[in-house]
N, C-alpha and C. Protein backbone atom coordinates (compact mmCIF):
# COMPACT_ATOMS: atom_id res chain seq x y z
N UNK A 1 -6.42 0.43 15.30
CA UNK A 1 -7.63 -0.10 15.02
C UNK A 1 -7.69 -1.58 15.80
N UNK A 2 -8.94 -2.07 16.16
CA UNK A 2 -8.86 -3.17 16.89
C UNK A 2 -9.14 -4.24 15.94
N UNK A 3 -8.14 -5.21 16.28
CA UNK A 3 -8.32 -6.56 15.55
C UNK A 3 -9.36 -7.35 15.76
N UNK A 4 -10.12 -7.18 16.91
CA UNK A 4 -11.06 -8.05 17.41
C UNK A 4 -12.25 -7.77 16.46
N UNK A 5 -12.38 -6.74 15.78
CA UNK A 5 -13.46 -6.31 14.94
C UNK A 5 -13.37 -7.31 13.79
N UNK A 6 -12.39 -8.01 13.63
CA UNK A 6 -12.43 -9.23 12.57
C UNK A 6 -12.90 -10.49 13.12
N UNK A 7 -13.30 -10.47 14.42
CA UNK A 7 -13.65 -11.86 15.07
C UNK A 7 -14.88 -12.56 14.36
N UNK A 8 -14.73 -13.81 14.13
CA UNK A 8 -15.66 -14.76 13.64
C UNK A 8 -15.56 -16.06 14.28
N UNK A 9 -16.72 -16.83 14.55
CA UNK A 9 -16.69 -17.95 15.30
C UNK A 9 -16.16 -19.20 14.61
N UNK A 10 -16.44 -19.18 13.33
CA UNK A 10 -15.87 -20.27 12.39
C UNK A 10 -15.96 -19.97 11.08
N UNK A 11 -14.78 -20.28 10.21
CA UNK A 11 -14.73 -19.93 9.10
C UNK A 11 -15.24 -20.87 8.05
N UNK A 12 -15.67 -20.60 6.60
CA UNK A 12 -16.26 -21.65 5.84
C UNK A 12 -15.32 -22.77 5.83
N UNK A 13 -16.07 -23.77 5.11
CA UNK A 13 -15.18 -25.13 4.77
C UNK A 13 -14.02 -25.03 4.46
N UNK A 14 -13.42 -24.10 3.55
CA UNK A 14 -12.27 -24.00 2.80
C UNK A 14 -11.23 -23.28 3.74
N UNK A 15 -11.66 -22.98 5.20
CA UNK A 15 -10.83 -22.24 6.14
C UNK A 15 -10.72 -20.82 5.90
N UNK A 16 -11.21 -20.36 4.91
CA UNK A 16 -11.20 -18.99 4.49
C UNK A 16 -12.33 -18.24 5.13
N UNK A 17 -12.07 -16.96 5.67
CA UNK A 17 -13.08 -16.10 6.14
C UNK A 17 -14.19 -15.47 5.20
N UNK A 18 -13.44 -15.21 4.20
CA UNK A 18 -14.39 -14.42 2.93
C UNK A 18 -14.19 -15.44 1.70
N UNK A 19 -15.44 -15.52 1.07
CA UNK A 19 -15.46 -16.29 -0.33
C UNK A 19 -15.29 -15.41 -1.44
N UNK A 20 -14.05 -15.01 -1.87
CA UNK A 20 -13.75 -14.23 -2.77
C UNK A 20 -14.20 -14.36 -4.09
N UNK A 21 -14.45 -15.70 -4.22
CA UNK A 21 -14.63 -15.93 -5.84
C UNK A 21 -16.26 -16.29 -6.02
N UNK A 22 -16.90 -15.85 -5.11
CA UNK A 22 -18.33 -15.84 -5.11
C UNK A 22 -18.91 -14.87 -6.11
N UNK A 23 -20.01 -15.08 -6.86
CA UNK A 23 -20.51 -14.16 -8.00
C UNK A 23 -21.27 -12.99 -7.54
N UNK A 24 -21.21 -12.96 -6.05
CA UNK A 24 -22.23 -11.84 -5.29
C UNK A 24 -21.54 -10.57 -5.54
N UNK A 25 -22.38 -9.31 -5.83
CA UNK A 25 -21.86 -8.23 -5.76
C UNK A 25 -22.07 -7.44 -4.33
N UNK A 26 -21.15 -6.71 -3.95
CA UNK A 26 -21.54 -6.12 -2.53
C UNK A 26 -21.53 -4.65 -2.67
N UNK A 27 -22.04 -3.72 -1.63
CA UNK A 27 -22.15 -2.50 -1.61
C UNK A 27 -21.07 -1.86 -0.53
N UNK A 28 -20.27 -1.05 -0.91
CA UNK A 28 -19.36 -0.60 0.33
C UNK A 28 -20.11 0.62 1.13
N UNK A 29 -20.50 0.43 2.11
CA UNK A 29 -21.23 1.46 3.02
C UNK A 29 -20.38 2.30 3.82
N UNK A 30 -19.26 1.93 3.99
CA UNK A 30 -18.38 2.91 4.89
C UNK A 30 -16.94 2.58 4.34
N UNK A 31 -16.04 3.82 4.16
CA UNK A 31 -15.06 3.64 3.50
C UNK A 31 -13.97 4.99 4.31
N UNK A 32 -13.00 4.52 4.91
CA UNK A 32 -12.19 5.77 5.33
C UNK A 32 -10.74 5.41 4.94
N UNK A 33 -9.97 6.57 4.64
CA UNK A 33 -8.64 6.61 4.13
C UNK A 33 -7.74 7.15 5.37
N UNK A 34 -6.89 6.56 5.75
CA UNK A 34 -5.89 7.00 6.57
C UNK A 34 -4.73 7.14 6.31
N UNK A 35 -3.97 8.47 6.65
CA UNK A 35 -2.70 8.87 6.13
C UNK A 35 -2.11 9.64 7.44
N UNK A 36 -1.32 8.79 8.08
CA UNK A 36 -0.84 9.35 9.27
C UNK A 36 -1.82 9.60 10.36
N UNK A 37 -2.14 10.72 10.90
CA UNK A 37 -3.02 10.90 11.83
C UNK A 37 -4.31 11.58 11.32
N UNK A 38 -4.32 11.70 9.81
CA UNK A 38 -5.42 12.29 9.11
C UNK A 38 -6.45 11.08 8.72
N UNK A 39 -7.63 11.27 8.85
CA UNK A 39 -8.64 10.31 8.09
C UNK A 39 -9.50 11.06 7.26
N UNK A 40 -9.76 10.38 6.19
CA UNK A 40 -10.55 10.96 5.19
C UNK A 40 -11.81 9.96 5.07
N UNK A 41 -12.92 10.40 5.51
CA UNK A 41 -14.12 9.60 5.15
C UNK A 41 -14.68 9.69 3.71
N UNK A 42 -14.99 8.77 3.31
CA UNK A 42 -15.17 8.74 1.66
C UNK A 42 -16.62 8.57 1.49
N UNK A 43 -17.27 7.88 2.19
CA UNK A 43 -18.89 7.70 1.87
C UNK A 43 -19.47 8.69 2.57
N UNK A 44 -20.27 9.27 1.86
CA UNK A 44 -21.02 10.35 2.40
C UNK A 44 -20.49 11.65 2.27
N UNK A 45 -19.29 11.84 1.88
CA UNK A 45 -18.55 13.10 1.59
C UNK A 45 -18.12 13.14 0.00
N UNK A 46 -16.99 12.33 -0.22
CA UNK A 46 -16.55 12.52 -1.68
C UNK A 46 -17.36 11.59 -2.25
N UNK A 47 -18.14 10.65 -1.89
CA UNK A 47 -18.95 9.66 -2.69
C UNK A 47 -20.28 9.71 -1.74
N UNK A 48 -21.59 10.21 -2.32
CA UNK A 48 -22.65 10.44 -1.47
C UNK A 48 -23.37 8.91 -1.33
N UNK A 49 -23.34 8.15 -2.24
CA UNK A 49 -23.76 6.78 -2.08
C UNK A 49 -22.76 5.76 -2.00
N UNK A 50 -23.26 4.77 -1.60
CA UNK A 50 -22.36 3.38 -1.29
C UNK A 50 -21.83 2.92 -2.68
N UNK A 51 -20.72 2.45 -2.71
CA UNK A 51 -19.93 1.83 -3.85
C UNK A 51 -20.17 0.60 -4.06
N UNK A 52 -20.19 0.03 -5.39
CA UNK A 52 -20.02 -1.11 -5.92
C UNK A 52 -18.90 -1.91 -5.87
N UNK A 53 -18.77 -2.97 -5.28
CA UNK A 53 -17.47 -3.87 -5.08
C UNK A 53 -18.00 -5.17 -5.78
N UNK A 54 -17.03 -5.67 -6.44
CA UNK A 54 -17.06 -7.03 -7.12
C UNK A 54 -15.82 -7.54 -7.39
N UNK A 55 -15.66 -8.84 -7.49
CA UNK A 55 -14.27 -9.62 -7.69
C UNK A 55 -14.55 -10.51 -8.86
N UNK A 56 -13.55 -10.59 -9.81
CA UNK A 56 -13.59 -11.26 -11.19
C UNK A 56 -12.40 -12.10 -10.92
N UNK A 57 -12.61 -13.44 -11.19
CA UNK A 57 -11.64 -14.59 -11.02
C UNK A 57 -10.87 -14.53 -12.48
N UNK A 58 -9.59 -14.56 -12.30
CA UNK A 58 -8.65 -14.64 -13.59
C UNK A 58 -8.58 -15.85 -13.84
N UNK A 59 -9.05 -16.49 -15.04
CA UNK A 59 -8.78 -17.79 -15.42
C UNK A 59 -7.47 -17.99 -15.81
N UNK A 60 -6.71 -17.22 -16.43
CA UNK A 60 -5.25 -17.69 -16.77
C UNK A 60 -4.21 -17.47 -15.69
N UNK A 61 -4.58 -17.34 -14.71
CA UNK A 61 -3.93 -17.34 -13.17
C UNK A 61 -4.54 -17.23 -12.07
N UNK A 62 -3.87 -17.36 -10.81
CA UNK A 62 -4.65 -17.66 -9.80
C UNK A 62 -4.91 -16.44 -8.89
N UNK A 63 -4.94 -15.25 -9.94
CA UNK A 63 -5.22 -13.79 -9.20
C UNK A 63 -6.77 -13.78 -9.58
N UNK A 64 -7.15 -12.66 -8.68
CA UNK A 64 -8.60 -12.11 -8.75
C UNK A 64 -8.44 -10.50 -8.84
N UNK A 65 -9.40 -10.13 -9.69
CA UNK A 65 -9.54 -8.79 -10.13
C UNK A 65 -10.42 -8.34 -9.10
N UNK A 66 -9.94 -7.10 -8.08
CA UNK A 66 -11.17 -6.48 -7.52
C UNK A 66 -11.47 -4.95 -8.07
N UNK A 67 -12.78 -4.78 -7.97
CA UNK A 67 -13.15 -3.40 -8.58
C UNK A 67 -14.27 -3.00 -7.62
N UNK A 68 -13.72 -1.50 -7.50
CA UNK A 68 -14.98 -0.73 -6.59
C UNK A 68 -15.09 0.30 -7.41
N UNK A 69 -16.45 0.76 -7.48
CA UNK A 69 -16.75 1.86 -8.61
C UNK A 69 -18.05 2.53 -8.04
N UNK A 70 -18.38 3.91 -8.55
CA UNK A 70 -19.45 4.39 -8.05
C UNK A 70 -20.60 4.16 -9.30
N UNK A 71 -20.03 3.79 -10.48
CA UNK A 71 -20.80 3.34 -11.69
C UNK A 71 -19.61 2.97 -12.82
N UNK A 72 -19.94 2.39 -13.94
CA UNK A 72 -18.82 1.97 -14.74
C UNK A 72 -17.97 2.95 -15.34
N UNK A 73 -18.35 4.19 -15.28
CA UNK A 73 -17.37 5.33 -15.73
C UNK A 73 -16.66 6.05 -14.54
N UNK A 74 -16.88 5.46 -13.42
CA UNK A 74 -16.37 6.32 -12.12
C UNK A 74 -15.62 5.17 -11.24
N UNK A 75 -14.50 4.62 -11.75
CA UNK A 75 -13.95 3.75 -10.83
C UNK A 75 -13.35 4.37 -9.58
N UNK A 76 -13.27 3.59 -8.43
CA UNK A 76 -12.49 4.05 -7.30
C UNK A 76 -11.51 3.30 -6.90
N UNK A 77 -11.33 2.10 -7.17
CA UNK A 77 -10.32 1.34 -7.21
C UNK A 77 -10.20 0.04 -7.94
N UNK A 78 -8.94 -0.39 -8.37
CA UNK A 78 -9.06 -1.61 -9.32
C UNK A 78 -7.70 -2.17 -9.33
N UNK A 79 -7.55 -3.55 -9.27
CA UNK A 79 -6.24 -4.08 -9.10
C UNK A 79 -6.30 -5.79 -9.37
N UNK A 80 -5.32 -6.39 -9.09
CA UNK A 80 -5.11 -7.82 -9.09
C UNK A 80 -4.65 -8.47 -7.46
N UNK A 81 -5.36 -9.20 -7.10
CA UNK A 81 -4.86 -9.64 -5.89
C UNK A 81 -4.70 -11.12 -5.67
N UNK A 82 -4.08 -11.88 -4.88
CA UNK A 82 -3.82 -13.13 -4.76
C UNK A 82 -3.87 -13.62 -3.42
N UNK A 83 -4.62 -14.67 -2.97
CA UNK A 83 -4.66 -15.37 -1.73
C UNK A 83 -3.23 -15.68 -1.34
N UNK A 84 -3.09 -15.17 0.14
CA UNK A 84 -1.95 -15.44 0.73
C UNK A 84 -1.88 -16.47 1.90
N UNK A 85 -2.69 -16.16 2.81
CA UNK A 85 -2.91 -17.11 3.88
C UNK A 85 -4.16 -16.62 4.66
N UNK A 86 -4.77 -17.58 5.65
CA UNK A 86 -5.87 -17.18 6.68
C UNK A 86 -4.97 -17.33 8.07
N UNK A 87 -5.50 -16.42 8.78
CA UNK A 87 -5.22 -16.53 10.27
C UNK A 87 -6.30 -16.75 11.23
N UNK A 88 -6.13 -18.04 11.85
CA UNK A 88 -7.15 -18.24 12.93
C UNK A 88 -6.38 -18.42 14.29
N UNK A 89 -6.40 -17.49 15.12
CA UNK A 89 -5.93 -17.35 16.25
C UNK A 89 -6.93 -16.78 17.35
N UNK A 90 -7.09 -17.65 18.23
CA UNK A 90 -8.17 -17.15 19.38
C UNK A 90 -9.41 -16.81 18.79
N UNK A 91 -9.96 -15.56 18.89
CA UNK A 91 -11.37 -14.98 18.16
C UNK A 91 -10.93 -14.19 16.77
N UNK A 92 -9.65 -14.07 16.37
CA UNK A 92 -9.17 -13.41 15.33
C UNK A 92 -9.07 -14.34 14.21
N UNK A 93 -9.81 -14.07 13.09
CA UNK A 93 -9.83 -14.77 12.11
C UNK A 93 -10.04 -13.88 10.86
N UNK A 94 -9.01 -14.08 10.02
CA UNK A 94 -9.05 -13.20 8.85
C UNK A 94 -8.03 -13.82 7.70
N UNK A 95 -8.54 -13.46 6.52
CA UNK A 95 -7.87 -14.04 5.15
C UNK A 95 -6.78 -12.71 4.70
N UNK A 96 -5.53 -12.82 4.35
CA UNK A 96 -4.63 -12.16 3.96
C UNK A 96 -4.41 -12.35 2.36
N UNK A 97 -4.56 -11.43 1.60
CA UNK A 97 -4.21 -11.27 0.04
C UNK A 97 -3.21 -10.27 0.03
N UNK A 98 -2.39 -10.56 -1.08
CA UNK A 98 -1.46 -9.59 -1.78
C UNK A 98 -1.59 -9.17 -3.00
N UNK A 99 -1.39 -8.10 -3.50
CA UNK A 99 -1.62 -7.86 -4.84
C UNK A 99 -1.22 -6.28 -5.08
N UNK A 100 -1.60 -5.81 -6.21
CA UNK A 100 -1.15 -4.53 -6.65
C UNK A 100 -2.73 -3.81 -7.25
N UNK A 101 -2.82 -2.60 -6.54
CA UNK A 101 -3.96 -1.73 -6.76
C UNK A 101 -3.61 -0.35 -7.12
N UNK A 102 -4.58 0.45 -7.83
CA UNK A 102 -4.69 1.90 -7.90
C UNK A 102 -5.87 2.03 -7.38
N UNK A 103 -5.97 3.42 -6.63
CA UNK A 103 -7.05 3.90 -5.97
C UNK A 103 -7.00 5.51 -6.36
N UNK A 104 -8.16 6.01 -6.83
CA UNK A 104 -8.40 7.31 -6.81
C UNK A 104 -7.59 8.15 -5.70
N UNK A 105 -7.85 7.79 -4.68
CA UNK A 105 -7.18 8.46 -3.36
C UNK A 105 -5.54 8.50 -3.50
N UNK A 106 -5.01 7.71 -3.74
CA UNK A 106 -3.41 7.53 -3.73
C UNK A 106 -3.15 7.79 -5.22
N UNK A 107 -4.00 7.61 -6.34
CA UNK A 107 -3.62 7.75 -7.76
C UNK A 107 -2.16 7.42 -8.41
N UNK A 108 -1.82 6.32 -7.70
CA UNK A 108 -0.58 5.54 -8.20
C UNK A 108 -0.77 4.06 -7.86
N UNK A 109 -0.33 3.23 -8.57
CA UNK A 109 -0.15 1.79 -8.52
C UNK A 109 0.50 1.34 -7.45
N UNK A 110 0.09 0.67 -6.40
CA UNK A 110 0.88 0.24 -5.24
C UNK A 110 0.91 -1.13 -4.76
N UNK A 111 2.05 -1.80 -4.29
CA UNK A 111 1.86 -3.24 -3.66
C UNK A 111 0.92 -2.94 -2.61
N UNK A 112 0.08 -3.91 -2.35
CA UNK A 112 -0.72 -3.80 -0.91
C UNK A 112 -0.94 -5.35 -0.29
N UNK A 113 -1.32 -5.21 1.03
CA UNK A 113 -1.65 -6.14 1.66
C UNK A 113 -3.29 -6.08 2.18
N UNK A 114 -4.10 -6.80 1.85
CA UNK A 114 -5.53 -6.96 2.14
C UNK A 114 -5.83 -7.84 3.27
N UNK A 115 -6.58 -7.35 4.31
CA UNK A 115 -6.87 -8.10 5.40
C UNK A 115 -8.50 -8.09 5.24
N UNK A 116 -9.05 -9.52 5.10
CA UNK A 116 -10.62 -9.64 5.10
C UNK A 116 -11.01 -10.17 6.37
N UNK A 117 -12.21 -9.63 6.73
CA UNK A 117 -12.68 -10.29 8.17
C UNK A 117 -14.19 -10.10 8.14
N UNK A 118 -14.96 -10.76 9.09
CA UNK A 118 -16.36 -10.64 9.35
C UNK A 118 -16.46 -9.85 10.57
N UNK A 119 -17.44 -8.73 10.39
CA UNK A 119 -17.82 -7.86 11.41
C UNK A 119 -19.16 -8.47 12.24
N UNK A 120 -19.92 -9.28 11.26
CA UNK A 120 -21.13 -9.37 12.04
C UNK A 120 -21.55 -10.61 11.01
N UNK A 121 -22.23 -11.78 11.57
CA UNK A 121 -23.02 -12.68 10.91
C UNK A 121 -24.09 -13.03 11.62
N UNK A 122 -25.06 -13.03 10.85
CA UNK A 122 -26.57 -13.10 11.19
C UNK A 122 -26.80 -14.86 10.90
N UNK A 123 -28.26 -15.25 10.82
CA UNK A 123 -28.67 -16.42 10.68
C UNK A 123 -28.34 -16.78 9.32
N UNK A 124 -28.45 -15.77 8.43
CA UNK A 124 -28.40 -16.40 6.93
C UNK A 124 -27.12 -15.71 6.33
N UNK A 125 -26.57 -16.34 5.31
CA UNK A 125 -25.43 -15.79 4.48
C UNK A 125 -25.49 -14.36 4.10
N UNK A 126 -26.60 -13.97 3.76
CA UNK A 126 -26.79 -12.55 3.22
C UNK A 126 -26.68 -11.52 4.33
N UNK A 127 -26.80 -11.96 5.54
CA UNK A 127 -26.61 -11.10 6.76
C UNK A 127 -25.14 -10.85 7.18
N UNK A 128 -24.22 -11.35 6.34
CA UNK A 128 -22.67 -11.22 6.89
C UNK A 128 -22.31 -9.74 6.29
N UNK A 129 -21.85 -9.11 7.34
CA UNK A 129 -21.10 -7.61 7.21
C UNK A 129 -19.58 -8.11 7.16
N UNK A 130 -18.91 -7.70 6.15
CA UNK A 130 -17.32 -7.87 6.10
C UNK A 130 -16.83 -6.63 6.49
N UNK A 131 -15.43 -6.66 6.70
CA UNK A 131 -14.55 -5.58 6.84
C UNK A 131 -13.18 -5.76 5.91
N UNK A 132 -12.80 -5.01 5.07
CA UNK A 132 -11.50 -5.05 4.43
C UNK A 132 -10.58 -4.07 5.04
N UNK A 133 -9.16 -4.27 5.12
CA UNK A 133 -8.19 -3.10 5.39
C UNK A 133 -7.15 -3.64 4.33
N UNK A 134 -7.16 -2.39 3.67
CA UNK A 134 -5.94 -2.41 2.72
C UNK A 134 -4.84 -1.66 3.03
N UNK A 135 -3.48 -2.39 3.16
CA UNK A 135 -2.51 -1.63 3.86
C UNK A 135 -1.53 -1.26 2.48
N UNK A 136 -1.39 -0.08 2.28
CA UNK A 136 -0.62 0.32 1.44
C UNK A 136 1.02 0.52 1.83
N UNK A 137 1.96 0.26 0.93
CA UNK A 137 3.29 0.24 1.20
C UNK A 137 3.84 1.70 1.62
N UNK A 138 3.05 2.73 1.10
CA UNK A 138 3.40 4.05 1.80
C UNK A 138 3.04 4.34 3.09
N UNK A 139 2.50 3.27 3.81
CA UNK A 139 1.92 3.59 5.28
C UNK A 139 0.78 4.16 5.21
N UNK A 140 0.00 4.32 4.09
CA UNK A 140 -1.47 4.61 4.36
C UNK A 140 -2.32 3.30 4.23
N UNK A 141 -3.58 3.56 4.51
CA UNK A 141 -4.52 2.46 4.68
C UNK A 141 -5.94 3.06 4.31
N UNK A 142 -6.72 1.90 3.79
CA UNK A 142 -8.00 2.15 3.32
C UNK A 142 -8.82 1.11 4.07
N UNK A 143 -9.97 1.61 4.75
CA UNK A 143 -10.65 0.52 5.43
C UNK A 143 -12.28 0.56 4.77
N UNK A 144 -12.68 -0.41 4.50
CA UNK A 144 -13.97 -0.73 4.02
C UNK A 144 -14.72 -1.58 4.82
N UNK A 145 -16.28 -1.24 5.01
CA UNK A 145 -17.17 -2.34 5.40
C UNK A 145 -18.20 -2.32 4.17
N UNK A 146 -18.46 -3.66 4.14
CA UNK A 146 -19.21 -3.77 3.08
C UNK A 146 -20.42 -4.97 3.24
N UNK A 147 -21.37 -5.08 2.47
CA UNK A 147 -22.26 -6.24 2.73
C UNK A 147 -23.15 -6.55 1.39
C-alpha cells in the first residue's frame, strides 16, 4: 500500500491529523480485509451498505472506544484505543493509535496498531475523506475509507 495516500498538507492545531474526539459520526464507504495475498472486499459484498463509524471518549481513562456497525444489533468492530503519536515526515502525516479490538472478520480480540490519515481535504471540514489502516498482530490488516 502506498503511504503517500495518507498525505496531508497541514494537520490541525493539536498536531494530529484526525480529531478522534469529535462528536461526528462517519460512514465507512470502503473496507478491505487483507490476509497474506488474499483481499476480502467488505462493503458491497458482505455488507451491502456503508457502515456507521463513531468514537466515544472514555472519561475514566485516556482511551477511546471505536465502534463500527451496520446497525445497533450488527456490530462489525468494537474496541478501545489510545493515542500513541503523530508522524509528520515530508508529505506523509498520520496519527498512530494502539489498542485492542474485536472484529467479525477475525472473531477474536487482538492487539492492534491503527494509522489514521487524510486522503482528501476540500474547502470545508465536511469535505475531508479519511483512511484508517488497522494492523493486527497476526499480520492481517483492515483498510477503511470513511467520511
